[in-house]
Amino acid sequence: MSSFKDLRIVDNFYQTSSFFPMPTILVSTVDDEGKTTLGAYSLCFPYYIAGKDYYAMILECRNSSNTAQNILKR
């Protein structure tokens, strides 16, 4: 199909491809100094592991990101 464009995949592919309609969420965490930080993510999906009586989400992020580190610490 000629209407598709080739995109060069880079480290920040999702930021450079912001024209895709993806839902975005803000994840707030607390850092080592007690400050609240926000991270915007579009790779989040509904997820049911405990049955449909509970709501859950999968957040996909780098394990070295500030958000991931803050979640693991607290």
N, C-alpha and C. Protein backbone atom coordinates (compact mmCIF):
# COMPACT_ATOMS: atom_id res chain seq x y z
N MET A 1 0.84 -1.18 0.00
CA MET A 1 0.00 0.00 0.00
C MET A 1 0.88 1.24 0.00
N SER A 2 0.71 2.07 -0.94
CA SER A 2 1.57 3.23 -1.08
C SER A 2 1.27 4.33 -0.07
N SER A 3 0.14 4.26 0.64
CA SER A 3 -0.19 5.31 1.60
C SER A 3 0.57 5.17 2.92
N PHE A 4 1.23 4.03 3.14
CA PHE A 4 2.01 3.85 4.35
C PHE A 4 3.39 4.47 4.18
N LYS A 5 3.92 5.02 5.25
CA LYS A 5 5.25 5.63 5.25
C LYS A 5 6.20 4.77 6.06
N ASP A 6 7.41 4.61 5.58
CA ASP A 6 8.44 3.91 6.34
C ASP A 6 8.93 4.82 7.45
N LEU A 7 9.01 4.28 8.67
CA LEU A 7 9.51 5.02 9.83
C LEU A 7 10.78 4.36 10.32
N ARG A 8 11.77 5.16 10.58
CA ARG A 8 13.02 4.66 11.15
C ARG A 8 12.79 4.45 12.64
N ILE A 9 13.00 3.24 13.13
CA ILE A 9 12.80 2.92 14.54
C ILE A 9 13.99 3.46 15.33
N VAL A 10 13.70 4.30 16.31
CA VAL A 10 14.74 4.87 17.17
C VAL A 10 14.37 4.62 18.62
N ASP A 11 15.22 5.05 19.54
CA ASP A 11 14.98 4.80 20.97
C ASP A 11 13.66 5.39 21.45
N ASN A 12 13.28 6.53 20.92
CA ASN A 12 12.05 7.18 21.38
C ASN A 12 10.96 7.06 20.31
N PHE A 13 10.78 5.84 19.78
CA PHE A 13 9.85 5.60 18.68
C PHE A 13 8.45 6.10 19.00
N TYR A 14 7.98 5.85 20.23
CA TYR A 14 6.61 6.23 20.58
C TYR A 14 6.45 7.74 20.68
N GLN A 15 7.50 8.44 21.02
CA GLN A 15 7.43 9.90 21.05
C GLN A 15 7.46 10.47 19.65
N THR A 16 8.22 9.87 18.75
CA THR A 16 8.29 10.38 17.38
C THR A 16 7.09 9.97 16.55
N SER A 17 6.33 9.01 17.03
CA SER A 17 5.15 8.54 16.30
C SER A 17 3.88 8.97 17.03
N SER A 18 3.86 10.18 17.50
CA SER A 18 2.74 10.64 18.33
C SER A 18 1.45 10.82 17.55
N PHE A 19 1.49 10.63 16.25
CA PHE A 19 0.27 10.77 15.47
C PHE A 19 -0.63 9.55 15.61
N PHE A 20 -0.13 8.44 16.18
CA PHE A 20 -0.98 7.28 16.42
C PHE A 20 -1.94 7.61 17.56
N PRO A 21 -3.21 7.30 17.42
CA PRO A 21 -4.15 7.61 18.52
C PRO A 21 -4.04 6.59 19.66
N MET A 22 -3.19 6.87 20.61
CA MET A 22 -3.01 5.99 21.76
C MET A 22 -3.48 6.72 23.02
N PRO A 23 -4.20 6.05 23.89
CA PRO A 23 -4.57 6.69 25.15
C PRO A 23 -3.32 6.96 25.98
N THR A 24 -3.33 8.06 26.69
CA THR A 24 -2.19 8.44 27.52
C THR A 24 -2.65 8.55 28.96
N ILE A 25 -1.84 8.07 29.87
CA ILE A 25 -2.13 8.19 31.29
C ILE A 25 -0.97 8.92 31.97
N LEU A 26 -1.24 9.48 33.12
CA LEU A 26 -0.20 10.06 33.96
C LEU A 26 -0.02 9.17 35.18
N VAL A 27 1.20 8.73 35.40
CA VAL A 27 1.52 7.90 36.56
C VAL A 27 2.27 8.78 37.54
N SER A 28 1.75 8.90 38.75
CA SER A 28 2.42 9.73 39.75
C SER A 28 3.12 8.82 40.75
N THR A 29 4.34 9.18 41.09
CA THR A 29 5.12 8.46 42.08
C THR A 29 5.79 9.47 43.00
N VAL A 30 6.39 8.96 44.06
CA VAL A 30 7.12 9.81 45.01
C VAL A 30 8.59 9.46 44.91
N ASP A 31 9.45 10.48 44.75
CA ASP A 31 10.88 10.23 44.60
C ASP A 31 11.57 10.15 45.97
N ASP A 32 12.90 10.00 45.96
CA ASP A 32 13.67 9.84 47.20
C ASP A 32 13.58 11.06 48.11
N GLU A 33 13.34 12.24 47.55
CA GLU A 33 13.24 13.46 48.35
C GLU A 33 11.81 13.73 48.81
N GLY A 34 10.88 12.84 48.50
CA GLY A 34 9.49 13.01 48.92
C GLY A 34 8.66 13.85 47.97
N LYS A 35 9.22 14.19 46.81
CA LYS A 35 8.48 14.99 45.83
C LYS A 35 7.65 14.09 44.94
N THR A 36 6.46 14.56 44.59
CA THR A 36 5.60 13.82 43.67
C THR A 36 6.04 14.12 42.24
N THR A 37 6.21 13.08 41.44
CA THR A 37 6.59 13.24 40.04
C THR A 37 5.52 12.60 39.16
N LEU A 38 5.41 13.09 37.95
CA LEU A 38 4.45 12.56 36.99
C LEU A 38 5.18 12.06 35.76
N GLY A 39 4.74 10.93 35.25
CA GLY A 39 5.27 10.40 34.01
C GLY A 39 4.11 10.09 33.08
N ALA A 40 4.19 10.54 31.83
CA ALA A 40 3.13 10.27 30.85
C ALA A 40 3.48 8.98 30.11
N TYR A 41 2.53 8.07 30.05
CA TYR A 41 2.73 6.78 29.39
C TYR A 41 1.56 6.47 28.47
N SER A 42 1.87 5.87 27.33
CA SER A 42 0.80 5.42 26.44
C SER A 42 0.80 3.90 26.31
N LEU A 43 1.78 3.23 26.89
CA LEU A 43 1.81 1.77 26.85
C LEU A 43 1.22 1.20 28.13
N CYS A 44 -0.08 1.27 28.24
CA CYS A 44 -0.78 0.71 29.38
C CYS A 44 -2.00 -0.01 28.85
N PHE A 45 -2.31 -1.13 29.45
CA PHE A 45 -3.37 -1.97 28.93
C PHE A 45 -4.21 -2.53 30.07
N PRO A 46 -5.51 -2.69 29.87
CA PRO A 46 -6.33 -3.39 30.88
C PRO A 46 -5.81 -4.82 31.04
N TYR A 47 -5.86 -5.32 32.23
CA TYR A 47 -5.29 -6.64 32.51
C TYR A 47 -6.08 -7.29 33.63
N TYR A 48 -6.51 -8.52 33.43
CA TYR A 48 -7.24 -9.26 34.46
C TYR A 48 -6.43 -10.49 34.83
N ILE A 49 -5.88 -10.50 36.03
CA ILE A 49 -5.17 -11.70 36.49
C ILE A 49 -5.89 -12.29 37.69
N ALA A 50 -6.61 -11.44 38.42
CA ALA A 50 -7.29 -11.90 39.64
C ALA A 50 -8.78 -12.12 39.40
N GLY A 51 -9.20 -12.14 38.16
CA GLY A 51 -10.62 -12.29 37.87
C GLY A 51 -11.24 -10.94 37.55
N LYS A 52 -12.44 -10.96 37.08
CA LYS A 52 -13.08 -9.73 36.64
C LYS A 52 -13.67 -8.92 37.80
N ASP A 53 -13.47 -9.36 39.03
CA ASP A 53 -13.94 -8.59 40.19
C ASP A 53 -13.00 -7.45 40.52
N TYR A 54 -11.80 -7.44 39.92
CA TYR A 54 -10.80 -6.44 40.22
C TYR A 54 -10.36 -5.76 38.93
N TYR A 55 -10.02 -4.48 39.03
CA TYR A 55 -9.45 -3.76 37.89
C TYR A 55 -7.94 -3.75 38.04
N ALA A 56 -7.25 -3.94 36.96
CA ALA A 56 -5.80 -3.92 36.98
C ALA A 56 -5.30 -3.38 35.65
N MET A 57 -4.09 -2.84 35.66
CA MET A 57 -3.47 -2.32 34.44
C MET A 57 -2.04 -2.85 34.36
N ILE A 58 -1.57 -3.04 33.15
CA ILE A 58 -0.16 -3.34 32.92
C ILE A 58 0.49 -2.05 32.46
N LEU A 59 1.57 -1.68 33.09
CA LEU A 59 2.36 -0.52 32.68
C LEU A 59 3.68 -1.03 32.13
N GLU A 60 3.96 -0.72 30.89
CA GLU A 60 5.22 -1.14 30.29
C GLU A 60 6.15 0.05 30.23
N CYS A 61 7.29 -0.06 30.93
CA CYS A 61 8.28 1.01 30.93
C CYS A 61 9.66 0.40 31.16
N ARG A 62 10.68 1.19 30.89
CA ARG A 62 12.06 0.73 31.14
C ARG A 62 12.25 0.53 32.64
N ASN A 63 12.97 -0.52 33.01
CA ASN A 63 13.20 -0.73 34.45
C ASN A 63 14.13 0.31 35.04
N SER A 64 14.83 1.08 34.19
CA SER A 64 15.71 2.13 34.68
C SER A 64 15.02 3.50 34.73
N SER A 65 13.76 3.58 34.32
CA SER A 65 13.07 4.87 34.33
C SER A 65 12.80 5.31 35.77
N ASN A 66 12.66 6.61 35.97
CA ASN A 66 12.37 7.13 37.31
C ASN A 66 11.06 6.56 37.84
N THR A 67 10.06 6.42 36.98
CA THR A 67 8.77 5.88 37.41
C THR A 67 8.94 4.45 37.92
N ALA A 68 9.62 3.61 37.16
CA ALA A 68 9.81 2.22 37.57
C ALA A 68 10.60 2.14 38.87
N GLN A 69 11.66 2.92 38.99
CA GLN A 69 12.48 2.90 40.20
C GLN A 69 11.69 3.36 41.43
N ASN A 70 10.87 4.40 41.25
CA ASN A 70 10.05 4.88 42.37
C ASN A 70 9.00 3.85 42.77
N ILE A 71 8.40 3.16 41.80
CA ILE A 71 7.41 2.13 42.12
C ILE A 71 8.09 0.98 42.88
N LEU A 72 9.26 0.57 42.42
CA LEU A 72 9.96 -0.54 43.09
C LEU A 72 10.39 -0.19 44.50
N LYS A 73 10.79 1.06 44.72
CA LYS A 73 11.26 1.48 46.06
C LYS A 73 10.11 1.67 47.05
N ARG A 74 8.94 2.06 46.58
CA ARG A 74 7.85 2.37 47.47
C ARG A 74 6.63 1.57 47.13
